[in-house]
């Protein structure tokens, strides 16, 4: 189930990127493509971490909370609004 969700998320992100190019009327620069890919990767990592955290306990849960905070910081640095 999780794999299907991630696949759907990737597909939606690719469609969103395509719409972004159509709206701007130009192709993304290499820097914009890299930034979009980084954002997508971080968002997928965040989703995976949240899923793992929902099932975790003890010290592992604390480690996942710290990981989630680090991912949020990286997304914020990219200019992605808080989730």
C-alpha atoms as a PDB file:
ATOM      1  CA  UNK A   1       0.000   0.000   0.000  1.00  0.00           C
ATOM      2  CA  UNK A   2       2.740   2.473   0.932  1.00  0.00           C
ATOM      3  CA  UNK A   3       4.559   1.869  -2.326  1.00  0.00           C
ATOM      4  CA  UNK A   4       1.406   2.669  -4.322  1.00  0.00           C
ATOM      5  CA  UNK A   5       0.919   5.866  -2.342  1.00  0.00           C
ATOM      6  CA  UNK A   6       4.486   6.981  -3.012  1.00  0.00           C
ATOM      7  CA  UNK A   7       4.136   6.147  -6.709  1.00  0.00           C
ATOM      8  CA  UNK A   8       0.956   8.188  -6.909  1.00  0.00           C
ATOM      9  CA  UNK A   9       2.655  11.064  -5.126  1.00  0.00           C
ATOM     10  CA  UNK A  10       5.556  11.007  -7.583  1.00  0.00           C
ATOM     11  CA  UNK A  11       3.135  10.927 -10.504  1.00  0.00           C
ATOM     12  CA  UNK A  12       1.230  13.907  -9.096  1.00  0.00           C
ATOM     13  CA  UNK A  13       4.463  15.817  -8.544  1.00  0.00           C
ATOM     14  CA  UNK A  14       5.545  15.172 -12.125  1.00  0.00           C
ATOM     15  CA  UNK A  15       2.189  16.425 -13.380  1.00  0.00           C
ATOM     16  CA  UNK A  16       2.496  19.491 -11.172  1.00  0.00           C
ATOM     17  CA  UNK A  17       5.949  20.188 -12.583  1.00  0.00           C
ATOM     18  CA  UNK A  18       4.562  19.905 -16.107  1.00  0.00           C
ATOM     19  CA  UNK A  19       1.774  22.340 -15.269  1.00  0.00           C
ATOM     20  CA  UNK A  20       4.364  24.714 -13.827  1.00  0.00           C
ATOM     21  CA  UNK A  21       6.258  24.712 -17.124  1.00  0.00           C
ATOM     22  CA  UNK A  22       3.045  25.324 -19.067  1.00  0.00           C
ATOM     23  CA  UNK A  23       2.048  28.200 -16.782  1.00  0.00           C
ATOM     24  CA  UNK A  24       5.405  29.905 -17.078  1.00  0.00           C
ATOM     25  CA  UNK A  25       5.588  29.278 -20.812  1.00  0.00           C
ATOM     26  CA  UNK A  26       9.177  28.081 -20.607  1.00  0.00           C
ATOM     27  CA  UNK A  27      11.206  25.076 -19.681  1.00  0.00           C
ATOM     28  CA  UNK A  28      12.703  24.939 -16.214  1.00  0.00           C
ATOM     29  CA  UNK A  29      16.361  25.796 -15.853  1.00  0.00           C
ATOM     30  CA  UNK A  30      18.760  23.167 -14.587  1.00  0.00           C
ATOM     31  CA  UNK A  31      18.761  24.871 -11.174  1.00  0.00           C
ATOM     32  CA  UNK A  32      14.951  24.921 -11.050  1.00  0.00           C
ATOM     33  CA  UNK A  33      14.807  21.247 -12.048  1.00  0.00           C
ATOM     34  CA  UNK A  34      17.342  20.332  -9.359  1.00  0.00           C
ATOM     35  CA  UNK A  35      15.415  22.328  -6.763  1.00  0.00           C
ATOM     36  CA  UNK A  36      12.111  20.703  -7.758  1.00  0.00           C
ATOM     37  CA  UNK A  37      13.700  17.253  -7.566  1.00  0.00           C
ATOM     38  CA  UNK A  38      15.179  18.007  -4.154  1.00  0.00           C
ATOM     39  CA  UNK A  39      11.805  19.264  -2.916  1.00  0.00           C
ATOM     40  CA  UNK A  40      10.064  16.125  -4.218  1.00  0.00           C
ATOM     41  CA  UNK A  41      12.653  13.882  -2.584  1.00  0.00           C
ATOM     42  CA  UNK A  42      12.310  15.680   0.746  1.00  0.00           C
ATOM     43  CA  UNK A  43       8.520  15.541   0.606  1.00  0.00           C
ATOM     44  CA  UNK A  44       8.630  11.804  -0.033  1.00  0.00           C
ATOM     45  CA  UNK A  45      11.113  11.353   2.819  1.00  0.00           C
ATOM     46  CA  UNK A  46       8.822  13.362   5.080  1.00  0.00           C
ATOM     47  CA  UNK A  47       5.813  11.205   4.187  1.00  0.00           C
ATOM     48  CA  UNK A  48       7.796   8.030   4.823  1.00  0.00           C
ATOM     49  CA  UNK A  49       9.078   9.352   8.156  1.00  0.00           C
ATOM     50  CA  UNK A  50       5.563  10.319   9.274  1.00  0.00           C
ATOM     51  CA  UNK A  51       4.320   6.837   8.404  1.00  0.00           C
ATOM     52  CA  UNK A  52       7.182   5.208  10.312  1.00  0.00           C
ATOM     53  CA  UNK A  53       6.636   7.534  13.269  1.00  0.00           C
ATOM     54  CA  UNK A  54       2.979   6.546  13.499  1.00  0.00           C
ATOM     55  CA  UNK A  55       4.107   2.956  14.146  1.00  0.00           C
ATOM     56  CA  UNK A  56       7.236   3.651  16.201  1.00  0.00           C
ATOM     57  CA  UNK A  57       7.788   3.627  19.933  1.00  0.00           C
ATOM     58  CA  UNK A  58      10.486   4.581  22.418  1.00  0.00           C
ATOM     59  CA  UNK A  59      13.864   5.852  21.308  1.00  0.00           C
ATOM     60  CA  UNK A  60      13.177   5.072  17.669  1.00  0.00           C
ATOM     61  CA  UNK A  61      10.167   7.428  17.726  1.00  0.00           C
ATOM     62  CA  UNK A  62      12.338  10.213  19.147  1.00  0.00           C
ATOM     63  CA  UNK A  63      14.914   9.659  16.409  1.00  0.00           C
ATOM     64  CA  UNK A  64      12.145   9.886  13.794  1.00  0.00           C
ATOM     65  CA  UNK A  65      10.858  13.137  15.337  1.00  0.00           C
ATOM     66  CA  UNK A  66      14.348  14.631  15.018  1.00  0.00           C
ATOM     67  CA  UNK A  67      14.562  13.370  11.446  1.00  0.00           C
ATOM     68  CA  UNK A  68      11.183  14.933  10.661  1.00  0.00           C
ATOM     69  CA  UNK A  69      12.345  18.260  12.109  1.00  0.00           C
ATOM     70  CA  UNK A  70      15.507  18.128   9.979  1.00  0.00           C
ATOM     71  CA  UNK A  71      13.482  17.424   6.837  1.00  0.00           C
ATOM     72  CA  UNK A  72      11.139  20.317   7.666  1.00  0.00           C
ATOM     73  CA  UNK A  73      14.142  22.639   8.049  1.00  0.00           C
ATOM     74  CA  UNK A  74      15.468  21.592   4.644  1.00  0.00           C
ATOM     75  CA  UNK A  75      12.050  22.099   3.031  1.00  0.00           C
ATOM     76  CA  UNK A  76      11.779  25.518   4.643  1.00  0.00           C
ATOM     77  CA  UNK A  77      15.216  26.420   3.268  1.00  0.00           C
ATOM     78  CA  UNK A  78      13.854  25.558  -0.189  1.00  0.00           C
ATOM     79  CA  UNK A  79      10.935  27.900   0.391  1.00  0.00           C
ATOM     80  CA  UNK A  80       8.294  25.207   0.839  1.00  0.00           C
ATOM     81  CA  UNK A  81       5.541  26.285   3.251  1.00  0.00           C
ATOM     82  CA  UNK A  82       5.291  24.332   6.511  1.00  0.00           C
ATOM     83  CA  UNK A  83       3.300  21.139   6.381  1.00  0.00           C
END
